[in-house]
Amino acid sequence: MRSITSFLEGFVVGGVVGLVVALLFAPSSGEELRNQMQNEAMRIRSEVSQAAQERRAELEQQLAAMRAPRKPGAA
């Protein structure tokens, strides 16, 4: 669980840093800049949401396996 949390934190921080660097080095008009920022924020939000959904599915599978009755004599 800690590794996925660390990954997501790094992913979000990396996205923010990348966005700031891109904004500083890409000359654009104010409207273009706002559109770029909005598009990048939506992309990052989508990727984080997808990663969270995938992790949730993994955890639900693990939980279902733990809740499943064990066969007698199985170690």
C-alpha atoms as a PDB file:
ATOM      1  CA  MET A   1       0.000   0.000   0.000  1.00  0.00           C
ATOM      2  CA  ARG A   2       2.851   2.365   0.832  1.00  0.00           C
ATOM      3  CA  SER A   3       4.465   1.875  -2.569  1.00  0.00           C
ATOM      4  CA  ILE A   4       1.313   2.869  -4.471  1.00  0.00           C
ATOM      5  CA  THR A   5       0.879   5.925  -2.243  1.00  0.00           C
ATOM      6  CA  SER A   6       4.478   6.936  -2.840  1.00  0.00           C
ATOM      7  CA  PHE A   7       4.017   6.393  -6.570  1.00  0.00           C
ATOM      8  CA  LEU A   8       0.897   8.553  -6.678  1.00  0.00           C
ATOM      9  CA  GLU A   9       2.560  11.301  -4.641  1.00  0.00           C
ATOM     10  CA  GLY A  10       5.558  11.283  -6.979  1.00  0.00           C
ATOM     11  CA  PHE A  11       3.290  11.233 -10.009  1.00  0.00           C
ATOM     12  CA  VAL A  12       1.309  14.261  -8.844  1.00  0.00           C
ATOM     13  CA  VAL A  13       4.409  16.219  -7.776  1.00  0.00           C
ATOM     14  CA  GLY A  14       6.128  15.383 -11.064  1.00  0.00           C
ATOM     15  CA  GLY A  15       3.078  16.515 -13.012  1.00  0.00           C
ATOM     16  CA  VAL A  16       2.935  19.818 -11.163  1.00  0.00           C
ATOM     17  CA  VAL A  17       6.668  20.444 -11.614  1.00  0.00           C
ATOM     18  CA  GLY A  18       6.415  19.577 -15.312  1.00  0.00           C
ATOM     19  CA  LEU A  19       3.462  21.906 -15.709  1.00  0.00           C
ATOM     20  CA  VAL A  20       5.281  24.804 -14.038  1.00  0.00           C
ATOM     21  CA  VAL A  21       8.420  24.272 -16.134  1.00  0.00           C
ATOM     22  CA  ALA A  22       6.364  24.074 -19.316  1.00  0.00           C
ATOM     23  CA  LEU A  23       4.565  27.285 -18.435  1.00  0.00           C
ATOM     24  CA  LEU A  24       7.792  29.132 -17.731  1.00  0.00           C
ATOM     25  CA  PHE A  25       9.512  28.091 -20.946  1.00  0.00           C
ATOM     26  CA  ALA A  26       6.618  28.138 -23.427  1.00  0.00           C
ATOM     27  CA  PRO A  27       5.679  31.634 -24.549  1.00  0.00           C
ATOM     28  CA  SER A  28       1.928  31.758 -25.037  1.00  0.00           C
ATOM     29  CA  SER A  29      -0.908  34.212 -24.777  1.00  0.00           C
ATOM     30  CA  GLY A  30      -2.904  34.331 -21.562  1.00  0.00           C
ATOM     31  CA  GLU A  31      -5.860  32.465 -23.053  1.00  0.00           C
ATOM     32  CA  GLU A  32      -3.640  29.791 -24.615  1.00  0.00           C
ATOM     33  CA  LEU A  33      -1.810  29.388 -21.332  1.00  0.00           C
ATOM     34  CA  ARG A  34      -5.051  28.932 -19.406  1.00  0.00           C
ATOM     35  CA  ASN A  35      -6.253  26.356 -21.929  1.00  0.00           C
ATOM     36  CA  GLN A  36      -2.958  24.472 -21.728  1.00  0.00           C
ATOM     37  CA  MET A  37      -3.079  24.497 -17.933  1.00  0.00           C
ATOM     38  CA  GLN A  38      -6.668  23.267 -17.921  1.00  0.00           C
ATOM     39  CA  ASN A  39      -5.903  20.480 -20.421  1.00  0.00           C
ATOM     40  CA  GLU A  40      -2.841  19.353 -18.469  1.00  0.00           C
ATOM     41  CA  ALA A  41      -4.758  19.379 -15.189  1.00  0.00           C
ATOM     42  CA  MET A  42      -7.545  17.281 -16.741  1.00  0.00           C
ATOM     43  CA  ARG A  43      -4.975  14.823 -18.155  1.00  0.00           C
ATOM     44  CA  ILE A  44      -3.250  14.440 -14.789  1.00  0.00           C
ATOM     45  CA  ARG A  45      -6.575  14.060 -12.987  1.00  0.00           C
ATOM     46  CA  SER A  46      -7.626  11.378 -15.477  1.00  0.00           C
ATOM     47  CA  GLU A  47      -4.369   9.440 -15.081  1.00  0.00           C
ATOM     48  CA  VAL A  48      -4.524   9.585 -11.290  1.00  0.00           C
ATOM     49  CA  SER A  49      -8.155   8.470 -11.347  1.00  0.00           C
ATOM     50  CA  GLN A  50      -7.314   5.550 -13.628  1.00  0.00           C
ATOM     51  CA  ALA A  51      -4.382   4.502 -11.421  1.00  0.00           C
ATOM     52  CA  ALA A  52      -6.629   4.682  -8.351  1.00  0.00           C
ATOM     53  CA  GLN A  53      -9.322   2.569 -10.037  1.00  0.00           C
ATOM     54  CA  GLU A  54      -6.768  -0.051 -11.046  1.00  0.00           C
ATOM     55  CA  ARG A  55      -5.344  -0.193  -7.521  1.00  0.00           C
ATOM     56  CA  ARG A  56      -8.841  -0.452  -6.046  1.00  0.00           C
ATOM     57  CA  ALA A  57      -9.598  -3.411  -8.326  1.00  0.00           C
ATOM     58  CA  GLU A  58      -6.367  -5.101  -7.214  1.00  0.00           C
ATOM     59  CA  LEU A  59      -7.194  -4.562  -3.559  1.00  0.00           C
ATOM     60  CA  GLU A  60     -10.752  -5.838  -4.012  1.00  0.00           C
ATOM     61  CA  GLN A  61      -9.378  -9.012  -5.619  1.00  0.00           C
ATOM     62  CA  GLN A  62      -6.965  -9.491  -2.730  1.00  0.00           C
ATOM     63  CA  LEU A  63      -9.750  -8.944  -0.209  1.00  0.00           C
ATOM     64  CA  ALA A  64     -12.019 -11.420  -1.988  1.00  0.00           C
ATOM     65  CA  ALA A  65      -9.210 -13.993  -1.956  1.00  0.00           C
ATOM     66  CA  MET A  66      -8.679 -13.439   1.771  1.00  0.00           C
ATOM     67  CA  ARG A  67     -12.404 -13.776   2.494  1.00  0.00           C
ATOM     68  CA  ALA A  68     -12.810 -16.945   0.432  1.00  0.00           C
ATOM     69  CA  PRO A  69     -13.235 -20.081   2.516  1.00  0.00           C
ATOM     70  CA  ARG A  70     -10.102 -22.158   2.773  1.00  0.00           C
ATOM     71  CA  LYS A  71     -10.031 -25.767   1.742  1.00  0.00           C
ATOM     72  CA  PRO A  72      -9.448 -28.220   4.571  1.00  0.00           C
ATOM     73  CA  GLY A  73      -5.861 -29.442   4.717  1.00  0.00           C
ATOM     74  CA  ALA A  74      -4.517 -26.535   2.644  1.00  0.00           C
ATOM     75  CA  ALA A  75      -1.564 -24.705   4.154  1.00  0.00           C
END
